[in-house]
PDB file of N, CA and C in Angstrom:
ATOM      1  N   MET A   1       2.965 -21.793  11.253  1.00  0.00           N
ATOM      2  CA  MET A   1       3.433 -21.321   9.974  1.00  0.00           C
ATOM      3  C   MET A   1       2.313 -20.487   9.330  1.00  0.00           C
ATOM      4  N   PRO A   2       2.542 -19.185   9.150  1.00  0.00           N
ATOM      5  CA  PRO A   2       1.485 -18.350   8.575  1.00  0.00           C
ATOM      6  C   PRO A   2       1.218 -18.700   7.114  1.00  0.00           C
ATOM      7  N   ILE A   3      -0.039 -18.602   6.746  1.00  0.00           N
ATOM      8  CA  ILE A   3      -0.428 -18.894   5.376  1.00  0.00           C
ATOM      9  C   ILE A   3      -0.201 -17.674   4.492  1.00  0.00           C
ATOM     10  N   GLU A   4      -0.521 -16.479   5.009  1.00  0.00           N
ATOM     11  CA  GLU A   4      -0.368 -15.263   4.218  1.00  0.00           C
ATOM     12  C   GLU A   4       0.093 -14.124   5.113  1.00  0.00           C
ATOM     13  N   THR A   5       0.979 -13.302   4.591  1.00  0.00           N
ATOM     14  CA  THR A   5       1.482 -12.138   5.300  1.00  0.00           C
ATOM     15  C   THR A   5       1.183 -10.907   4.458  1.00  0.00           C
ATOM     16  N   THR A   6       0.784  -9.804   5.112  1.00  0.00           N
ATOM     17  CA  THR A   6       0.444  -8.569   4.408  1.00  0.00           C
ATOM     18  C   THR A   6       1.470  -7.493   4.730  1.00  0.00           C
ATOM     19  N   TYR A   7       1.932  -6.802   3.687  1.00  0.00           N
ATOM     20  CA  TYR A   7       2.852  -5.680   3.838  1.00  0.00           C
ATOM     21  C   TYR A   7       2.212  -4.449   3.221  1.00  0.00           C
ATOM     22  N   ILE A   8       2.185  -3.372   3.994  1.00  0.00           N
ATOM     23  CA  ILE A   8       1.640  -2.110   3.508  1.00  0.00           C
ATOM     24  C   ILE A   8       2.809  -1.186   3.215  1.00  0.00           C
ATOM     25  N   ILE A   9       2.890  -0.724   1.988  1.00  0.00           N
ATOM     26  CA  ILE A   9       3.974   0.157   1.575  1.00  0.00           C
ATOM     27  C   ILE A   9       3.485   1.588   1.716  1.00  0.00           C
ATOM     28  N   ARG A  10       4.087   2.325   2.646  1.00  0.00           N
ATOM     29  CA  ARG A  10       3.639   3.684   2.945  1.00  0.00           C
ATOM     30  C   ARG A  10       4.487   4.753   2.269  1.00  0.00           C
ATOM     31  N   ASN A  11       5.751   4.455   2.008  1.00  0.00           N
ATOM     32  CA  ASN A  11       6.599   5.416   1.310  1.00  0.00           C
ATOM     33  C   ASN A  11       7.707   4.682   0.568  1.00  0.00           C
ATOM     34  N   ARG A  12       8.444   5.414  -0.228  1.00  0.00           N
ATOM     35  CA  ARG A  12       9.457   4.821  -1.094  1.00  0.00           C
ATOM     36  C   ARG A  12      10.553   4.106  -0.295  1.00  0.00           C
ATOM     37  N   SER A  13      10.856   4.597   0.890  1.00  0.00           N
ATOM     38  CA  SER A  13      11.927   3.984   1.679  1.00  0.00           C
ATOM     39  C   SER A  13      11.529   2.617   2.242  1.00  0.00           C
ATOM     40  N   ASP A  14      10.251   2.266   2.197  1.00  0.00           N
ATOM     41  CA  ASP A  14       9.801   0.940   2.643  1.00  0.00           C
ATOM     42  C   ASP A  14      10.158  -0.161   1.646  1.00  0.00           C
ATOM     43  N   LYS A  15      10.602   0.210   0.469  1.00  0.00           N
ATOM     44  CA  LYS A  15      10.837  -0.757  -0.602  1.00  0.00           C
ATOM     45  C   LYS A  15      11.843  -1.839  -0.194  1.00  0.00           C
ATOM     46  N   GLU A  16      13.038  -1.448   0.234  1.00  0.00           N
ATOM     47  CA  GLU A  16      14.066  -2.425   0.582  1.00  0.00           C
ATOM     48  C   GLU A  16      13.660  -3.259   1.792  1.00  0.00           C
ATOM     49  N   LYS A  17      13.050  -2.626   2.780  1.00  0.00           N
ATOM     50  CA  LYS A  17      12.600  -3.338   3.981  1.00  0.00           C
ATOM     51  C   LYS A  17      11.545  -4.380   3.626  1.00  0.00           C
ATOM     52  N   THR A  18      10.620  -4.024   2.742  1.00  0.00           N
ATOM     53  CA  THR A  18       9.568  -4.954   2.344  1.00  0.00           C
ATOM     54  C   THR A  18      10.147  -6.137   1.579  1.00  0.00           C
ATOM     55  N   ILE A  19      11.128  -5.884   0.719  1.00  0.00           N
ATOM     56  CA  ILE A  19      11.772  -6.974  -0.024  1.00  0.00           C
ATOM     57  C   ILE A  19      12.456  -7.937   0.952  1.00  0.00           C
ATOM     58  N   LYS A  20      13.191  -7.393   1.921  1.00  0.00           N
ATOM     59  CA  LYS A  20      13.854  -8.245   2.918  1.00  0.00           C
ATOM     60  C   LYS A  20      12.833  -9.044   3.723  1.00  0.00           C
ATOM     61  N   ASP A  21      11.771  -8.373   4.163  1.00  0.00           N
ATOM     62  CA  ASP A  21      10.741  -9.060   4.951  1.00  0.00           C
ATOM     63  C   ASP A  21      10.076 -10.174   4.145  1.00  0.00           C
ATOM     64  N   ALA A  22       9.852  -9.942   2.858  1.00  0.00           N
ATOM     65  CA  ALA A  22       9.237 -10.967   2.007  1.00  0.00           C
ATOM     66  C   ALA A  22      10.161 -12.173   1.852  1.00  0.00           C
ATOM     67  N   ILE A  23      11.458 -11.922   1.696  1.00  0.00           N
ATOM     68  CA  ILE A  23      12.420 -13.025   1.583  1.00  0.00           C
ATOM     69  C   ILE A  23      12.404 -13.863   2.861  1.00  0.00           C
ATOM     70  N   PHE A  24      12.419 -13.187   4.021  1.00  0.00           N
ATOM     71  CA  PHE A  24      12.368 -13.917   5.292  1.00  0.00           C
ATOM     72  C   PHE A  24      11.055 -14.676   5.446  1.00  0.00           C
ATOM     73  N   ALA A  25       9.962 -14.083   4.992  1.00  0.00           N
ATOM     74  CA  ALA A  25       8.658 -14.745   5.111  1.00  0.00           C
ATOM     75  C   ALA A  25       8.620 -16.018   4.272  1.00  0.00           C
ATOM     76  N   PHE A  26       9.063 -15.938   3.017  1.00  0.00           N
ATOM     77  CA  PHE A  26       9.053 -17.124   2.163  1.00  0.00           C
ATOM     78  C   PHE A  26      10.045 -18.171   2.674  1.00  0.00           C
ATOM     79  N   SER A  27      11.181 -17.738   3.207  1.00  0.00           N
ATOM     80  CA  SER A  27      12.146 -18.688   3.777  1.00  0.00           C
ATOM     81  C   SER A  27      11.586 -19.364   5.023  1.00  0.00           C
ATOM     82  N   GLY A  28      10.720 -18.660   5.734  1.00  0.00           N
ATOM     83  CA  GLY A  28      10.127 -19.206   6.951  1.00  0.00           C
ATOM     84  C   GLY A  28       8.918 -20.084   6.717  1.00  0.00           C
ATOM     85  N   GLY A  29       8.497 -20.248   5.479  1.00  0.00           N
ATOM     86  CA  GLY A  29       7.402 -21.156   5.189  1.00  0.00           C
ATOM     87  C   GLY A  29       6.091 -20.505   4.803  1.00  0.00           C
ATOM     88  N   THR A  30       6.056 -19.203   4.692  1.00  0.00           N
ATOM     89  CA  THR A  30       4.827 -18.531   4.270  1.00  0.00           C
ATOM     90  C   THR A  30       4.508 -18.911   2.830  1.00  0.00           C
ATOM     91  N   ARG A  31       3.261 -19.230   2.560  1.00  0.00           N
ATOM     92  CA  ARG A  31       2.854 -19.648   1.216  1.00  0.00           C
ATOM     93  C   ARG A  31       2.582 -18.466   0.291  1.00  0.00           C
ATOM     94  N   SER A  32       2.099 -17.343   0.844  1.00  0.00           N
ATOM     95  CA  SER A  32       1.811 -16.187  -0.008  1.00  0.00           C
ATOM     96  C   SER A  32       1.945 -14.898   0.790  1.00  0.00           C
ATOM     97  N   ILE A  33       2.197 -13.817   0.060  1.00  0.00           N
ATOM     98  CA  ILE A  33       2.253 -12.494   0.677  1.00  0.00           C
ATOM     99  C   ILE A  33       1.344 -11.556  -0.108  1.00  0.00           C
ATOM    100  N   ARG A  34       0.872 -10.537   0.584  1.00  0.00           N
ATOM    101  CA  ARG A  34       0.029  -9.522  -0.046  1.00  0.00           C
ATOM    102  C   ARG A  34       0.719  -8.176   0.135  1.00  0.00           C
ATOM    103  N   LEU A  35       0.922  -7.465  -0.967  1.00  0.00           N
ATOM    104  CA  LEU A  35       1.509  -6.130  -0.944  1.00  0.00           C
ATOM    105  C   LEU A  35       0.408  -5.121  -1.187  1.00  0.00           C
ATOM    106  N   LYS A  36       0.362  -4.077  -0.356  1.00  0.00           N
ATOM    107  CA  LYS A  36      -0.657  -3.043  -0.510  1.00  0.00           C
ATOM    108  C   LYS A  36       0.023  -1.696  -0.699  1.00  0.00           C
ATOM    109  N   GLY A  37      -0.508  -0.900  -1.622  1.00  0.00           N
ATOM    110  CA  GLY A  37      -0.011   0.448  -1.843  1.00  0.00           C
ATOM    111  C   GLY A  37      -1.157   1.366  -2.194  1.00  0.00           C
ATOM    112  N   GLU A  38      -1.047   2.623  -1.775  1.00  0.00           N
ATOM    113  CA  GLU A  38      -2.086   3.615  -2.061  1.00  0.00           C
ATOM    114  C   GLU A  38      -1.461   4.851  -2.687  1.00  0.00           C
ATOM    115  N   GLY A  39      -2.189   5.461  -3.605  1.00  0.00           N
ATOM    116  CA  GLY A  39      -1.766   6.733  -4.186  1.00  0.00           C
ATOM    117  C   GLY A  39      -0.454   6.626  -4.934  1.00  0.00           C
ATOM    118  N   ASP A  40       0.504   7.464  -4.524  1.00  0.00           N
ATOM    119  CA  ASP A  40       1.803   7.492  -5.191  1.00  0.00           C
ATOM    120  C   ASP A  40       2.600   6.213  -4.988  1.00  0.00           C
ATOM    121  N   GLU A  41       2.250   5.423  -4.011  1.00  0.00           N
ATOM    122  CA  GLU A  41       3.014   4.220  -3.697  1.00  0.00           C
ATOM    123  C   GLU A  41       2.529   2.983  -4.444  1.00  0.00           C
ATOM    124  N   ILE A  42       1.582   3.149  -5.347  1.00  0.00           N
ATOM    125  CA  ILE A  42       1.153   2.025  -6.191  1.00  0.00           C
ATOM    126  C   ILE A  42       2.324   1.546  -7.035  1.00  0.00           C
ATOM    127  N   SER A  43       3.065   2.477  -7.619  1.00  0.00           N
ATOM    128  CA  SER A  43       4.202   2.088  -8.456  1.00  0.00           C
ATOM    129  C   SER A  43       5.278   1.388  -7.631  1.00  0.00           C
ATOM    130  N   THR A  44       5.468   1.799  -6.385  1.00  0.00           N
ATOM    131  CA  THR A  44       6.443   1.142  -5.517  1.00  0.00           C
ATOM    132  C   THR A  44       6.005  -0.283  -5.198  1.00  0.00           C
ATOM    133  N   ALA A  45       4.720  -0.489  -4.940  1.00  0.00           N
ATOM    134  CA  ALA A  45       4.209  -1.832  -4.658  1.00  0.00           C
ATOM    135  C   ALA A  45       4.391  -2.750  -5.866  1.00  0.00           C
ATOM    136  N   VAL A  46       4.127  -2.236  -7.055  1.00  0.00           N
ATOM    137  CA  VAL A  46       4.311  -3.030  -8.275  1.00  0.00           C
ATOM    138  C   VAL A  46       5.791  -3.352  -8.469  1.00  0.00           C
ATOM    139  N   GLU A  47       6.645  -2.375  -8.229  1.00  0.00           N
ATOM    140  CA  GLU A  47       8.083  -2.583  -8.374  1.00  0.00           C
ATOM    141  C   GLU A  47       8.594  -3.640  -7.393  1.00  0.00           C
ATOM    142  N   VAL A  48       8.143  -3.584  -6.152  1.00  0.00           N
ATOM    143  CA  VAL A  48       8.533  -4.579  -5.146  1.00  0.00           C
ATOM    144  C   VAL A  48       8.066  -5.968  -5.575  1.00  0.00           C
ATOM    145  N   ALA A  49       6.839  -6.077  -6.052  1.00  0.00           N
ATOM    146  CA  ALA A  49       6.313  -7.374  -6.500  1.00  0.00           C
ATOM    147  C   ALA A  49       7.150  -7.938  -7.649  1.00  0.00           C
ATOM    148  N   GLU A  50       7.516  -7.092  -8.594  1.00  0.00           N
ATOM    149  CA  GLU A  50       8.310  -7.554  -9.736  1.00  0.00           C
ATOM    150  C   GLU A  50       9.722  -7.958  -9.312  1.00  0.00           C
ATOM    151  N   ILE A  51      10.323  -7.224  -8.395  1.00  0.00           N
ATOM    152  CA  ILE A  51      11.664  -7.583  -7.915  1.00  0.00           C
ATOM    153  C   ILE A  51      11.623  -8.926  -7.200  1.00  0.00           C
ATOM    154  N   ILE A  52      10.641  -9.113  -6.324  1.00  0.00           N
ATOM    155  CA  ILE A  52      10.536 -10.380  -5.591  1.00  0.00           C
ATOM    156  C   ILE A  52      10.292 -11.532  -6.555  1.00  0.00           C
ATOM    157  N   LYS A  53       9.397 -11.332  -7.507  1.00  0.00           N
ATOM    158  CA  LYS A  53       9.021 -12.404  -8.433  1.00  0.00           C
ATOM    159  C   LYS A  53      10.150 -12.735  -9.416  1.00  0.00           C
ATOM    160  N   ASN A  54      10.748 -11.731 -10.029  1.00  0.00           N
ATOM    161  CA  ASN A  54      11.715 -11.982 -11.101  1.00  0.00           C
ATOM    162  C   ASN A  54      13.135 -12.243 -10.611  1.00  0.00           C
ATOM    163  N   ARG A  55      13.552 -11.585  -9.550  1.00  0.00           N
ATOM    164  CA  ARG A  55      14.940 -11.716  -9.111  1.00  0.00           C
ATOM    165  C   ARG A  55      15.131 -12.698  -7.964  1.00  0.00           C
ATOM    166  N   MET A  56      14.190 -12.730  -7.035  1.00  0.00           N
ATOM    167  CA  MET A  56      14.387 -13.530  -5.830  1.00  0.00           C
ATOM    168  C   MET A  56      13.776 -14.930  -5.937  1.00  0.00           C
ATOM    169  N   TYR A  57      12.537 -14.990  -6.384  1.00  0.00           N
ATOM    170  CA  TYR A  57      11.807 -16.255  -6.440  1.00  0.00           C
ATOM    171  C   TYR A  57      11.124 -16.390  -7.802  1.00  0.00           C
ATOM    172  N   PRO A  58      11.839 -16.872  -8.813  1.00  0.00           N
ATOM    173  CA  PRO A  58      11.228 -16.998 -10.146  1.00  0.00           C
ATOM    174  C   PRO A  58      10.034 -17.947 -10.191  1.00  0.00           C
ATOM    175  N   SER A  59       9.901 -18.833  -9.201  1.00  0.00           N
ATOM    176  CA  SER A  59       8.784 -19.784  -9.206  1.00  0.00           C
ATOM    177  C   SER A  59       7.499 -19.178  -8.639  1.00  0.00           C
ATOM    178  N   LEU A  60       7.549 -17.942  -8.151  1.00  0.00           N
ATOM    179  CA  LEU A  60       6.344 -17.302  -7.611  1.00  0.00           C
ATOM    180  C   LEU A  60       5.361 -16.972  -8.718  1.00  0.00           C
ATOM    181  N   GLU A  61       4.097 -16.972  -8.347  1.00  0.00           N
ATOM    182  CA  GLU A  61       3.035 -16.573  -9.271  1.00  0.00           C
ATOM    183  C   GLU A  61       2.318 -15.361  -8.702  1.00  0.00           C
ATOM    184  N   ILE A  62       1.874 -14.489  -9.585  1.00  0.00           N
ATOM    185  CA  ILE A  62       1.010 -13.393  -9.155  1.00  0.00           C
ATOM    186  C   ILE A  62      -0.391 -13.977  -9.098  1.00  0.00           C
ATOM    187  N   ALA A  63      -0.860 -14.250  -7.889  1.00  0.00           N
ATOM    188  CA  ALA A  63      -2.134 -14.935  -7.702  1.00  0.00           C
ATOM    189  C   ALA A  63      -3.319 -14.006  -7.906  1.00  0.00           C
ATOM    190  N   ASN A  64      -3.174 -12.746  -7.503  1.00  0.00           N
ATOM    191  CA  ASN A  64      -4.307 -11.828  -7.585  1.00  0.00           C
ATOM    192  C   ASN A  64      -3.800 -10.394  -7.591  1.00  0.00           C
ATOM    193  N   VAL A  65      -4.464  -9.560  -8.366  1.00  0.00           N
ATOM    194  CA  VAL A  65      -4.230  -8.117  -8.350  1.00  0.00           C
ATOM    195  C   VAL A  65      -5.586  -7.460  -8.176  1.00  0.00           C
ATOM    196  N   SER A  66      -5.707  -6.667  -7.132  1.00  0.00           N
ATOM    197  CA  SER A  66      -6.972  -6.004  -6.836  1.00  0.00           C
ATOM    198  C   SER A  66      -6.759  -4.494  -6.884  1.00  0.00           C
ATOM    199  N   LEU A  67      -7.555  -3.827  -7.697  1.00  0.00           N
ATOM    200  CA  LEU A  67      -7.496  -2.370  -7.807  1.00  0.00           C
ATOM    201  C   LEU A  67      -8.758  -1.778  -7.220  1.00  0.00           C
ATOM    202  N   GLY A  68      -8.637  -0.612  -6.628  1.00  0.00           N
ATOM    203  CA  GLY A  68      -9.811   0.037  -6.064  1.00  0.00           C
ATOM    204  C   GLY A  68      -9.487   1.449  -5.629  1.00  0.00           C
ATOM    205  N   SER A  69     -10.414   2.026  -4.905  1.00  0.00           N
ATOM    206  CA  SER A  69     -10.210   3.368  -4.366  1.00  0.00           C
ATOM    207  C   SER A  69     -10.974   3.488  -3.059  1.00  0.00           C
ATOM    208  N   ARG A  70     -10.612   4.500  -2.284  1.00  0.00           N
ATOM    209  CA  ARG A  70     -11.296   4.785  -1.031  1.00  0.00           C
ATOM    210  C   ARG A  70     -11.373   6.297  -0.889  1.00  0.00           C
ATOM    211  N   PRO A  71     -12.264   6.804  -0.050  1.00  0.00           N
ATOM    212  CA  PRO A  71     -12.346   8.258   0.146  1.00  0.00           C
ATOM    213  C   PRO A  71     -11.057   8.791   0.762  1.00  0.00           C
ATOM    214  N   TYR A  72     -10.654   9.951   0.309  1.00  0.00           N
ATOM    215  CA  TYR A  72      -9.458  10.606   0.829  1.00  0.00           C
ATOM    216  C   TYR A  72      -9.870  11.663   1.834  1.00  0.00           C
ATOM    217  N   PHE A  73      -9.268  11.617   3.015  1.00  0.00           N
ATOM    218  CA  PHE A  73      -9.517  12.621   4.041  1.00  0.00           C
ATOM    219  C   PHE A  73      -8.195  13.270   4.389  1.00  0.00           C
ATOM    220  N   ASP A  74      -8.173  14.590   4.368  1.00  0.00           N
ATOM    221  CA  ASP A  74      -6.968  15.337   4.687  1.00  0.00           C
ATOM    222  C   ASP A  74      -6.858  15.445   6.200  1.00  0.00           C
ATOM    223  N   ASP A  75      -5.821  14.844   6.790  1.00  0.00           N
ATOM    224  CA  ASP A  75      -5.653  14.853   8.248  1.00  0.00           C
ATOM    225  C   ASP A  75      -5.460  16.260   8.796  1.00  0.00           C
ATOM    226  N   ARG A  76      -4.930  17.150   7.993  1.00  0.00           N
ATOM    227  CA  ARG A  76      -4.682  18.506   8.474  1.00  0.00           C
ATOM    228  C   ARG A  76      -5.970  19.278   8.701  1.00  0.00           C
ATOM    229  N   SER A  77      -7.059  18.860   8.089  1.00  0.00           N
ATOM    230  CA  SER A  77      -8.312  19.601   8.246  1.00  0.00           C
ATOM    231  C   SER A  77      -9.071  19.173   9.501  1.00  0.00           C
ATOM    232  N   ARG A  78      -8.595  18.140  10.212  1.00  0.00           N
ATOM    233  CA  ARG A  78      -9.248  17.675  11.427  1.00  0.00           C
ATOM    234  C   ARG A  78      -8.482  18.150  12.654  1.00  0.00           C
ATOM    235  N   GLY A  79      -9.136  18.121  13.793  1.00  0.00           N
ATOM    236  CA  GLY A  79      -8.471  18.409  15.052  1.00  0.00           C
ATOM    237  C   GLY A  79      -8.424  19.879  15.394  1.00  0.00           C
ATOM    238  N   TYR A  80      -7.697  20.192  16.460  1.00  0.00           N
ATOM    239  CA  TYR A  80      -7.610  21.557  16.976  1.00  0.00           C
ATOM    240  C   TYR A  80      -6.731  22.408  16.073  1.00  0.00           C
ATOM    241  N   ASN A  81      -7.159  23.637  15.861  1.00  0.00           N
ATOM    242  CA  ASN A  81      -6.403  24.564  15.032  1.00  0.00           C
ATOM    243  C   ASN A  81      -6.406  25.925  15.721  1.00  0.00           C
ATOM    244  N   ARG A  82      -5.226  26.503  15.980  1.00  0.00           N
ATOM    245  CA  ARG A  82      -5.150  27.788  16.685  1.00  0.00           C
ATOM    246  C   ARG A  82      -5.870  28.895  15.934  1.00  0.00           C
ATOM    247  N   ASN A  83      -5.736  28.924  14.656  1.00  0.00           N
ATOM    248  CA  ASN A  83      -6.356  29.964  13.835  1.00  0.00           C
ATOM    249  C   ASN A  83      -7.651  29.444  13.233  1.00  0.00           C
ATOM    250  N   GLU A  84      -8.481  28.867  14.081  1.00  0.00           N
ATOM    251  CA  GLU A  84      -9.667  28.163  13.590  1.00  0.00           C
ATOM    252  C   GLU A  84     -10.601  29.075  12.802  1.00  0.00           C
ATOM    253  N   ARG A  85     -10.819  30.284  13.284  1.00  0.00           N
ATOM    254  CA  ARG A  85     -11.750  31.175  12.594  1.00  0.00           C
ATOM    255  C   ARG A  85     -11.223  31.515  11.196  1.00  0.00           C
ATOM    256  N   TYR A  86      -9.934  31.832  11.103  1.00  0.00           N
ATOM    257  CA  TYR A  86      -9.339  32.156   9.807  1.00  0.00           C
ATOM    258  C   TYR A  86      -9.372  30.942   8.880  1.00  0.00           C
ATOM    259  N   ASN A  87      -8.964  29.802   9.412  1.00  0.00           N
ATOM    260  CA  ASN A  87      -8.889  28.605   8.586  1.00  0.00           C
ATOM    261  C   ASN A  87     -10.262  28.074   8.195  1.00  0.00           C
ATOM    262  N   ASN A  88     -11.270  28.264   9.046  1.00  0.00           N
ATOM    263  CA  ASN A  88     -12.613  27.810   8.680  1.00  0.00           C
ATOM    264  C   ASN A  88     -13.097  28.512   7.427  1.00  0.00           C
ATOM    265  N   ASN A  89     -12.898  29.813   7.356  1.00  0.00           N
ATOM    266  CA  ASN A  89     -13.322  30.549   6.167  1.00  0.00           C
ATOM    267  C   ASN A  89     -12.510  30.145   4.954  1.00  0.00           C
ATOM    268  N   ARG A  90     -11.234  29.927   5.166  1.00  0.00           N
ATOM    269  CA  ARG A  90     -10.331  29.618   4.069  1.00  0.00           C
ATOM    270  C   ARG A  90     -10.520  28.188   3.561  1.00  0.00           C
ATOM    271  N   ASN A  91     -10.807  27.255   4.462  1.00  0.00           N
ATOM    272  CA  ASN A  91     -10.832  25.837   4.101  1.00  0.00           C
ATOM    273  C   ASN A  91     -12.220  25.289   3.804  1.00  0.00           C
ATOM    274  N   ASN A  92     -13.261  26.078   3.918  1.00  0.00           N
ATOM    275  CA  ASN A  92     -14.602  25.538   3.697  1.00  0.00           C
ATOM    276  C   ASN A  92     -14.734  24.901   2.330  1.00  0.00           C
ATOM    277  N   SER A  93     -14.269  25.582   1.297  1.00  0.00           N
ATOM    278  CA  SER A  93     -14.394  25.006  -0.043  1.00  0.00           C
ATOM    279  C   SER A  93     -13.478  23.800  -0.195  1.00  0.00           C
ATOM    280  N   ARG A  94     -12.301  23.833   0.434  1.00  0.00           N
ATOM    281  CA  ARG A  94     -11.373  22.710   0.333  1.00  0.00           C
ATOM    282  C   ARG A  94     -11.934  21.483   1.045  1.00  0.00           C
ATOM    283  N   ASN A  95     -12.557  21.658   2.213  1.00  0.00           N
ATOM    284  CA  ASN A  95     -13.127  20.524   2.943  1.00  0.00           C
ATOM    285  C   ASN A  95     -14.257  19.877   2.164  1.00  0.00           C
ATOM    286  N   LYS A  96     -15.069  20.678   1.489  1.00  0.00           N
ATOM    287  CA  LYS A  96     -16.133  20.103   0.669  1.00  0.00           C
ATOM    288  C   LYS A  96     -15.536  19.292  -0.468  1.00  0.00           C
ATOM    289  N   LYS A  97     -14.464  19.814  -1.061  1.00  0.00           N
ATOM    290  CA  LYS A  97     -13.818  19.114  -2.160  1.00  0.00           C
ATOM    291  C   LYS A  97     -13.201  17.805  -1.666  1.00  0.00           C
ATOM    292  N   ASN A  98     -12.508  17.841  -0.517  1.00  0.00           N
ATOM    293  CA  ASN A  98     -11.836  16.648  -0.006  1.00  0.00           C
ATOM    294  C   ASN A  98     -12.810  15.548   0.380  1.00  0.00           C
ATOM    295  N   SER A  99     -14.030  15.892   0.728  1.00  0.00           N
ATOM    296  CA  SER A  99     -14.982  14.857   1.112  1.00  0.00           C
ATOM    297  C   SER A  99     -15.373  13.986  -0.072  1.00  0.00           C
ATOM    298  N   LYS A 100     -15.117  14.474  -1.295  1.00  0.00           N
ATOM    299  CA  LYS A 100     -15.469  13.704  -2.481  1.00  0.00           C
ATOM    300  C   LYS A 100     -14.247  13.121  -3.183  1.00  0.00           C
ATOM    301  N   ASP A 101     -13.042  13.479  -2.743  1.00  0.00           N
ATOM    302  CA  ASP A 101     -11.836  12.984  -3.384  1.00  0.00           C
ATOM    303  C   ASP A 101     -11.633  11.505  -3.077  1.00  0.00           C
ATOM    304  N   LEU A 102     -10.986  10.820  -4.000  1.00  0.00           N
ATOM    305  CA  LEU A 102     -10.686   9.400  -3.840  1.00  0.00           C
ATOM    306  C   LEU A 102      -9.189   9.185  -3.987  1.00  0.00           C
ATOM    307  N   VAL A 103      -8.673   8.198  -3.294  1.00  0.00           N
ATOM    308  CA  VAL A 103      -7.287   7.794  -3.456  1.00  0.00           C
ATOM    309  C   VAL A 103      -7.297   6.350  -3.970  1.00  0.00           C
ATOM    310  N   SER A 104      -6.487   6.091  -4.987  1.00  0.00           N
ATOM    311  CA  SER A 104      -6.421   4.760  -5.588  1.00  0.00           C
ATOM    312  C   SER A 104      -5.606   3.829  -4.705  1.00  0.00           C
ATOM    313  N   ARG A 105      -5.894   2.540  -4.816  1.00  0.00           N
ATOM    314  CA  ARG A 105      -5.146   1.551  -4.047  1.00  0.00           C
ATOM    315  C   ARG A 105      -4.966   0.289  -4.878  1.00  0.00           C
ATOM    316  N   ILE A 106      -3.953  -0.491  -4.511  1.00  0.00           N
ATOM    317  CA  ILE A 106      -3.688  -1.765  -5.180  1.00  0.00           C
ATOM    318  C   ILE A 106      -3.308  -2.797  -4.125  1.00  0.00           C
ATOM    319  N   GLU A 107      -3.713  -4.028  -4.372  1.00  0.00           N
ATOM    320  CA  GLU A 107      -3.301  -5.166  -3.553  1.00  0.00           C
ATOM    321  C   GLU A 107      -2.788  -6.239  -4.506  1.00  0.00           C
ATOM    322  N   ILE A 108      -1.555  -6.666  -4.296  1.00  0.00           N
ATOM    323  CA  ILE A 108      -0.936  -7.689  -5.139  1.00  0.00           C
ATOM    324  C   ILE A 108      -0.633  -8.893  -4.259  1.00  0.00           C
ATOM    325  N   THR A 109      -1.131 -10.055  -4.651  1.00  0.00           N
ATOM    326  CA  THR A 109      -0.878 -11.282  -3.901  1.00  0.00           C
ATOM    327  C   THR A 109       0.099 -12.144  -4.684  1.00  0.00           C
ATOM    328  N   LEU A 110       1.228 -12.462  -4.055  1.00  0.00           N
ATOM    329  CA  LEU A 110       2.230 -13.354  -4.635  1.00  0.00           C
ATOM    330  C   LEU A 110       2.183 -14.667  -3.870  1.00  0.00           C
ATOM    331  N   SER A 111       2.154 -15.783  -4.594  1.00  0.00           N
ATOM    332  CA  SER A 111       2.109 -17.075  -3.900  1.00  0.00           C
ATOM    333  C   SER A 111       3.043 -18.074  -4.564  1.00  0.00           C
ATOM    334  N   LYS A 112       3.491 -19.020  -3.760  1.00  0.00           N
ATOM    335  CA  LYS A 112       4.339 -20.089  -4.276  1.00  0.00           C
ATOM    336  C   LYS A 112       3.492 -21.028  -5.104  1.00  0.00           C
ATOM    337  N   SER A 113       4.052 -21.490  -6.203  1.00  0.00           N
ATOM    338  CA  SER A 113       3.316 -22.435  -7.039  1.00  0.00           C
ATOM    339  C   SER A 113       3.265 -23.786  -6.341  1.00  0.00           C
ATOM    340  N   ASN A 114       2.233 -24.534  -6.617  1.00  0.00           N
ATOM    341  CA  ASN A 114       2.030 -25.845  -5.978  1.00  0.00           C
ATOM    342  C   ASN A 114       2.783 -26.922  -6.739  1.00  0.00           C
ATOM    343  N   GLN A 115       4.066 -27.021  -6.497  1.00  0.00           N
ATOM    344  CA  GLN A 115       4.872 -28.037  -7.170  1.00  0.00           C
ATOM    345  C   GLN A 115       5.327 -29.086  -6.202  1.00  0.00           C
TER     346      GLN A 115
END
């Protein structure tokens, strides 16, 4: 019986799937779940946590909320590029900027109360 399960929300369409998975996890005996969201999906992670807590399992508690950030790297600027010479000149300033950019993240832990 797992003690904690982690769900990473990558896009808006993960919302319903994550809610279903959380219901199955709590029904299967999991004591707590952790929801993670980054960038634009922070609001989706909060929405999923509120739906699970208020509509599905009113006895759940929000055990922990962790906010933070990590460096943002643009995947398109890495790897092979056919127009490398053109793009190198064009993207030099953008690559310097992206090396300092940050993306926000949230982790929400929901757990069953000890009753």
